[in-house]
N, C-alpha and C. Protein backbone atom coordinates (compact mmCIF):
# COMPACT_ATOMS: atom_id res chain seq x y z
N UNK A 1 95.20 99.47 93.78
CA UNK A 1 95.72 100.71 93.24
C UNK A 1 96.64 101.37 94.27
N UNK A 2 97.76 101.89 93.80
CA UNK A 2 98.69 102.53 94.71
C UNK A 2 98.47 104.04 94.71
N UNK A 3 98.89 104.64 95.81
CA UNK A 3 98.78 106.09 95.90
C UNK A 3 99.77 106.73 94.95
N UNK A 4 99.42 107.87 94.36
CA UNK A 4 100.38 108.55 93.49
C UNK A 4 101.57 109.05 94.31
N UNK A 5 102.72 109.09 93.66
CA UNK A 5 103.92 109.58 94.31
C UNK A 5 103.79 111.09 94.48
N UNK A 6 104.01 111.62 95.70
CA UNK A 6 103.95 113.07 95.88
C UNK A 6 104.95 113.76 94.96
N UNK A 7 104.59 114.95 94.50
CA UNK A 7 105.43 115.68 93.55
C UNK A 7 106.84 115.87 94.06
N UNK A 8 107.00 116.13 95.37
CA UNK A 8 108.34 116.37 95.90
C UNK A 8 109.23 115.14 95.76
N UNK A 9 108.67 113.92 95.86
CA UNK A 9 109.46 112.71 95.74
C UNK A 9 109.86 112.44 94.29
N UNK A 10 109.17 113.07 93.37
CA UNK A 10 109.45 112.89 91.96
C UNK A 10 110.45 113.92 91.44
N UNK A 11 110.75 114.95 92.23
CA UNK A 11 111.67 116.00 91.82
C UNK A 11 113.09 115.46 91.80
N UNK A 12 113.77 115.51 90.66
CA UNK A 12 115.12 114.91 90.56
C UNK A 12 116.12 115.49 91.58
N UNK A 13 116.08 116.78 91.81
CA UNK A 13 117.05 117.37 92.74
C UNK A 13 116.80 116.90 94.17
N UNK A 14 115.54 116.77 94.56
CA UNK A 14 115.22 116.27 95.91
C UNK A 14 115.66 114.82 96.04
N UNK A 15 115.44 114.03 95.00
CA UNK A 15 115.87 112.63 95.02
C UNK A 15 117.39 112.52 95.14
N UNK A 16 118.11 113.33 94.36
CA UNK A 16 119.58 113.31 94.43
C UNK A 16 120.07 113.73 95.82
N UNK A 17 119.46 114.76 96.38
CA UNK A 17 119.85 115.22 97.72
C UNK A 17 119.64 114.13 98.75
N UNK A 18 118.51 113.42 98.68
CA UNK A 18 118.24 112.31 99.60
C UNK A 18 119.29 111.22 99.42
N UNK A 19 119.61 110.91 98.18
CA UNK A 19 120.62 109.89 97.88
C UNK A 19 121.98 110.29 98.44
N UNK A 20 122.42 111.50 98.12
CA UNK A 20 123.75 111.95 98.53
C UNK A 20 123.88 112.04 100.05
N UNK A 21 122.85 112.54 100.72
CA UNK A 21 122.95 112.67 102.17
C UNK A 21 122.98 111.29 102.84
N UNK A 22 122.29 110.31 102.28
CA UNK A 22 122.33 108.95 102.82
C UNK A 22 123.68 108.32 102.54
N UNK A 23 124.18 108.46 101.33
CA UNK A 23 125.48 107.90 100.97
C UNK A 23 126.59 108.47 101.85
N UNK A 24 126.51 109.75 102.17
CA UNK A 24 127.54 110.40 102.98
C UNK A 24 127.63 109.78 104.38
N UNK A 25 126.59 109.09 104.81
CA UNK A 25 126.58 108.48 106.15
C UNK A 25 127.23 107.09 106.20
N UNK A 26 127.49 106.49 105.05
CA UNK A 26 128.08 105.14 105.03
C UNK A 26 129.51 105.25 105.55
N UNK A 27 129.81 104.59 106.68
CA UNK A 27 131.13 104.76 107.29
C UNK A 27 132.24 104.01 106.57
N UNK A 28 133.44 104.44 106.82
CA UNK A 28 134.63 103.80 106.28
C UNK A 28 134.64 102.33 106.69
N UNK A 29 134.99 101.47 105.73
CA UNK A 29 135.07 100.04 106.01
C UNK A 29 133.74 99.31 105.91
N UNK A 30 132.68 100.03 105.55
CA UNK A 30 131.35 99.43 105.39
C UNK A 30 130.89 99.63 103.95
N UNK A 31 130.00 98.76 103.50
CA UNK A 31 129.46 98.85 102.15
C UNK A 31 127.94 98.73 102.19
N UNK A 32 127.32 99.14 101.11
CA UNK A 32 125.87 99.09 100.97
C UNK A 32 125.57 98.76 99.51
N UNK A 33 124.45 98.07 99.26
CA UNK A 33 124.08 97.78 97.87
C UNK A 33 123.31 98.96 97.29
N UNK A 34 123.25 99.00 95.97
CA UNK A 34 122.48 100.05 95.30
C UNK A 34 121.03 100.04 95.79
N UNK A 35 120.45 98.85 95.89
CA UNK A 35 119.06 98.74 96.33
C UNK A 35 118.86 99.16 97.77
N UNK A 36 119.78 98.76 98.64
CA UNK A 36 119.68 99.14 100.05
C UNK A 36 119.81 100.65 100.19
N UNK A 37 120.73 101.25 99.45
CA UNK A 37 120.92 102.70 99.50
C UNK A 37 119.65 103.42 99.05
N UNK A 38 119.03 102.91 97.99
CA UNK A 38 117.78 103.51 97.52
C UNK A 38 116.71 103.44 98.61
N UNK A 39 116.56 102.28 99.23
CA UNK A 39 115.56 102.12 100.31
C UNK A 39 115.85 103.06 101.47
N UNK A 40 117.11 103.11 101.92
CA UNK A 40 117.48 103.95 103.06
C UNK A 40 117.26 105.43 102.77
N UNK A 41 117.40 105.81 101.50
CA UNK A 41 117.21 107.21 101.12
C UNK A 41 115.74 107.55 100.89
N UNK A 42 114.86 106.55 101.05
CA UNK A 42 113.43 106.78 100.86
C UNK A 42 113.02 106.81 99.41
N UNK A 43 113.79 106.14 98.55
CA UNK A 43 113.54 106.18 97.11
C UNK A 43 112.91 104.89 96.58
N UNK A 44 112.55 104.00 97.49
CA UNK A 44 111.91 102.76 97.07
C UNK A 44 112.87 101.84 96.34
N UNK A 45 112.35 101.20 95.32
CA UNK A 45 113.13 100.22 94.57
C UNK A 45 113.81 100.88 93.37
N UNK A 46 114.74 101.76 93.65
CA UNK A 46 115.36 102.56 92.60
C UNK A 46 116.85 102.26 92.45
N UNK A 47 117.23 101.00 92.57
CA UNK A 47 118.64 100.62 92.52
C UNK A 47 119.31 101.07 91.21
N UNK A 48 118.64 100.87 90.11
CA UNK A 48 119.25 101.26 88.82
C UNK A 48 119.41 102.76 88.72
N UNK A 49 118.43 103.51 89.23
CA UNK A 49 118.53 104.97 89.23
C UNK A 49 119.72 105.41 90.08
N UNK A 50 119.91 104.76 91.23
CA UNK A 50 121.04 105.07 92.11
C UNK A 50 122.34 104.84 91.35
N UNK A 51 122.47 103.71 90.68
CA UNK A 51 123.68 103.43 89.91
C UNK A 51 123.95 104.46 88.83
N UNK A 52 122.91 104.81 88.09
CA UNK A 52 123.07 105.83 87.03
C UNK A 52 123.49 107.17 87.63
N UNK A 53 122.85 107.55 88.71
CA UNK A 53 123.13 108.84 89.34
C UNK A 53 124.55 108.88 89.88
N UNK A 54 124.98 107.82 90.52
CA UNK A 54 126.35 107.79 91.05
C UNK A 54 127.38 107.79 89.93
N UNK A 55 127.05 107.21 88.79
CA UNK A 55 128.00 107.19 87.67
C UNK A 55 128.22 108.59 87.10
N UNK A 56 127.34 109.52 87.43
CA UNK A 56 127.44 110.89 86.92
C UNK A 56 128.11 111.85 87.91
N UNK A 57 128.58 111.32 89.05
CA UNK A 57 129.27 112.18 90.01
C UNK A 57 130.56 112.72 89.41
N UNK A 58 130.93 113.95 89.77
CA UNK A 58 132.21 114.48 89.27
C UNK A 58 133.38 113.68 89.85
N UNK A 59 134.48 113.65 89.14
CA UNK A 59 135.64 112.86 89.56
C UNK A 59 136.21 113.26 90.91
N UNK A 60 136.02 114.51 91.31
CA UNK A 60 136.59 114.98 92.57
C UNK A 60 135.59 114.97 93.72
N UNK A 61 134.52 114.19 93.58
CA UNK A 61 133.50 114.15 94.63
C UNK A 61 134.07 113.61 95.94
N UNK A 62 133.56 114.11 97.03
CA UNK A 62 133.95 113.63 98.35
C UNK A 62 133.03 112.51 98.82
N UNK A 63 131.96 112.25 98.08
CA UNK A 63 131.03 111.18 98.47
C UNK A 63 131.69 109.82 98.32
N UNK A 64 131.43 108.90 99.24
CA UNK A 64 132.06 107.58 99.20
C UNK A 64 131.38 106.61 98.24
N UNK A 65 131.36 106.95 96.97
CA UNK A 65 130.70 106.14 95.93
C UNK A 65 131.25 104.72 95.88
N UNK A 66 132.51 104.56 96.26
CA UNK A 66 133.17 103.25 96.18
C UNK A 66 132.59 102.25 97.16
N UNK A 67 131.80 102.71 98.12
CA UNK A 67 131.20 101.83 99.13
C UNK A 67 129.85 101.26 98.68
N UNK A 68 129.45 101.56 97.46
CA UNK A 68 128.17 101.06 96.93
C UNK A 68 128.44 99.92 95.96
N UNK A 69 127.79 98.78 96.23
CA UNK A 69 128.03 97.55 95.47
C UNK A 69 126.74 97.01 94.89
N UNK A 70 126.88 96.05 94.00
CA UNK A 70 125.72 95.35 93.48
C UNK A 70 125.13 94.42 94.52
N UNK A 71 124.03 93.82 94.19
CA UNK A 71 123.34 92.90 95.10
C UNK A 71 124.27 91.77 95.52
N UNK A 72 124.17 91.37 96.76
CA UNK A 72 124.96 90.27 97.27
C UNK A 72 126.44 90.58 97.45
N UNK A 73 126.79 91.87 97.42
CA UNK A 73 128.18 92.26 97.61
C UNK A 73 129.03 92.24 96.36
N UNK A 74 128.40 92.10 95.21
CA UNK A 74 129.14 92.02 93.94
C UNK A 74 129.67 93.40 93.54
N UNK A 75 130.94 93.45 93.19
CA UNK A 75 131.51 94.69 92.65
C UNK A 75 131.05 94.81 91.20
N UNK A 76 130.30 95.86 90.91
CA UNK A 76 129.71 95.98 89.58
C UNK A 76 130.61 96.71 88.59
N UNK A 77 131.62 97.41 89.09
CA UNK A 77 132.55 98.07 88.17
C UNK A 77 133.62 97.07 87.76
N UNK A 78 133.90 96.96 86.47
CA UNK A 78 134.82 95.92 86.01
C UNK A 78 136.26 96.13 86.48
N UNK A 79 136.89 95.04 86.89
CA UNK A 79 138.32 95.07 87.21
C UNK A 79 139.07 95.43 85.94
N UNK A 80 140.09 96.25 86.09
CA UNK A 80 140.85 96.68 84.92
C UNK A 80 140.39 98.01 84.36
N UNK A 81 139.20 98.46 84.77
CA UNK A 81 138.73 99.78 84.35
C UNK A 81 139.24 100.79 85.39
N UNK A 82 139.43 102.05 84.98
CA UNK A 82 139.93 103.04 85.96
C UNK A 82 139.05 103.13 87.21
N UNK A 83 137.74 103.21 87.04
CA UNK A 83 136.87 103.35 88.21
C UNK A 83 136.79 102.04 89.00
N UNK A 84 136.82 100.92 88.32
CA UNK A 84 136.80 99.63 89.01
C UNK A 84 138.05 99.41 89.85
N UNK A 85 139.20 99.77 89.29
CA UNK A 85 140.45 99.63 90.03
C UNK A 85 140.50 100.60 91.21
N UNK A 86 139.98 101.80 91.00
CA UNK A 86 139.95 102.79 92.09
C UNK A 86 139.03 102.31 93.22
N UNK A 87 137.87 101.75 92.86
CA UNK A 87 136.95 101.25 93.87
C UNK A 87 137.62 100.15 94.70
N UNK A 88 138.25 99.21 94.05
CA UNK A 88 138.91 98.10 94.75
C UNK A 88 140.02 98.61 95.66
N UNK A 89 140.81 99.55 95.17
CA UNK A 89 141.91 100.09 95.96
C UNK A 89 141.38 100.84 97.20
N UNK A 90 140.34 101.64 97.00
CA UNK A 90 139.78 102.39 98.13
C UNK A 90 139.19 101.45 99.18
N UNK A 91 138.47 100.44 98.73
CA UNK A 91 137.87 99.49 99.67
C UNK A 91 138.96 98.75 100.44
N UNK A 92 139.98 98.32 99.76
CA UNK A 92 141.08 97.61 100.44
C UNK A 92 141.77 98.51 101.45
N UNK A 93 141.97 99.79 101.11
CA UNK A 93 142.59 100.73 102.05
C UNK A 93 141.74 100.90 103.31
N UNK A 94 140.44 100.68 103.19
CA UNK A 94 139.54 100.79 104.34
C UNK A 94 139.41 99.47 105.08
N UNK A 95 140.13 98.45 104.66
CA UNK A 95 140.09 97.16 105.34
C UNK A 95 139.00 96.22 104.87
N UNK A 96 138.39 96.53 103.74
CA UNK A 96 137.34 95.67 103.19
C UNK A 96 137.99 94.56 102.38
N UNK A 97 137.62 93.32 102.66
CA UNK A 97 138.15 92.16 101.96
C UNK A 97 137.34 91.89 100.70
N UNK A 98 138.03 91.71 99.59
CA UNK A 98 137.39 91.40 98.31
C UNK A 98 137.86 90.02 97.89
N UNK A 99 136.93 89.13 97.63
CA UNK A 99 137.26 87.77 97.22
C UNK A 99 136.32 87.37 96.08
N UNK A 100 136.90 86.95 94.97
CA UNK A 100 136.10 86.55 93.80
C UNK A 100 135.14 87.66 93.36
N UNK A 101 135.66 88.89 93.36
CA UNK A 101 134.89 90.05 92.90
C UNK A 101 133.67 90.35 93.78
N UNK A 102 133.72 89.90 95.04
CA UNK A 102 132.63 90.13 95.99
C UNK A 102 133.18 90.57 97.33
N UNK A 103 132.29 91.26 98.06
CA UNK A 103 132.57 91.67 99.44
C UNK A 103 131.59 90.91 100.33
N UNK A 104 132.08 90.42 101.45
CA UNK A 104 131.23 89.70 102.41
C UNK A 104 130.31 90.71 103.10
N UNK A 105 129.05 90.70 102.72
CA UNK A 105 128.07 91.65 103.25
C UNK A 105 127.84 91.41 104.74
N UNK A 106 127.89 90.17 105.18
CA UNK A 106 127.71 89.89 106.61
C UNK A 106 128.79 90.59 107.44
N UNK A 107 129.98 90.62 106.91
CA UNK A 107 131.11 91.21 107.64
C UNK A 107 131.22 92.72 107.45
N UNK A 108 131.02 93.17 106.22
CA UNK A 108 131.28 94.57 105.89
C UNK A 108 130.02 95.39 105.59
N UNK A 109 128.85 94.77 105.62
CA UNK A 109 127.63 95.49 105.28
C UNK A 109 127.26 96.54 106.32
N UNK A 110 126.77 97.67 105.85
CA UNK A 110 126.36 98.77 106.73
C UNK A 110 124.94 98.53 107.18
N UNK A 111 124.75 98.54 108.48
CA UNK A 111 123.43 98.41 109.07
C UNK A 111 123.19 99.63 109.97
N UNK A 112 122.61 100.68 109.42
CA UNK A 112 122.42 101.87 110.24
C UNK A 112 121.49 101.58 111.42
N UNK A 113 121.80 102.13 112.54
CA UNK A 113 120.98 101.94 113.73
C UNK A 113 119.78 102.86 113.63
N UNK A 114 118.62 102.28 113.82
CA UNK A 114 117.40 103.08 113.80
C UNK A 114 117.16 103.61 115.20
N UNK A 115 116.96 104.91 115.29
CA UNK A 115 116.71 105.55 116.57
C UNK A 115 115.21 105.70 116.77
N UNK A 116 114.76 105.36 117.94
CA UNK A 116 113.34 105.58 118.23
C UNK A 116 113.26 106.71 119.25
N UNK A 117 112.26 107.53 119.06
CA UNK A 117 112.19 108.69 119.93
C UNK A 117 111.08 108.60 120.84
């Protein structure tokens, strides 16, 4: 049996804040998967929730949504769609190489440094 999720972790606004603050840390030229972003934000295995939430961002957001990819570096937004084309253009401007609708995670993946105190 697993422990129940604390009420604060279930609050949608707290979850969004955790997601947005983690996403804001992804540096230019680096990418992260939906699942990795969920884990880093303390949201567990919430990759689909991350995708849904990011799809609802306003068009003028300053958050680097374009740096979030599907598993294995796959670009999940379709080429030829406005958001898919914008994502590809932004990534290329940051020096990210896209080949066969994928980004090389070994080369461009974000690995935040864990600080120990």
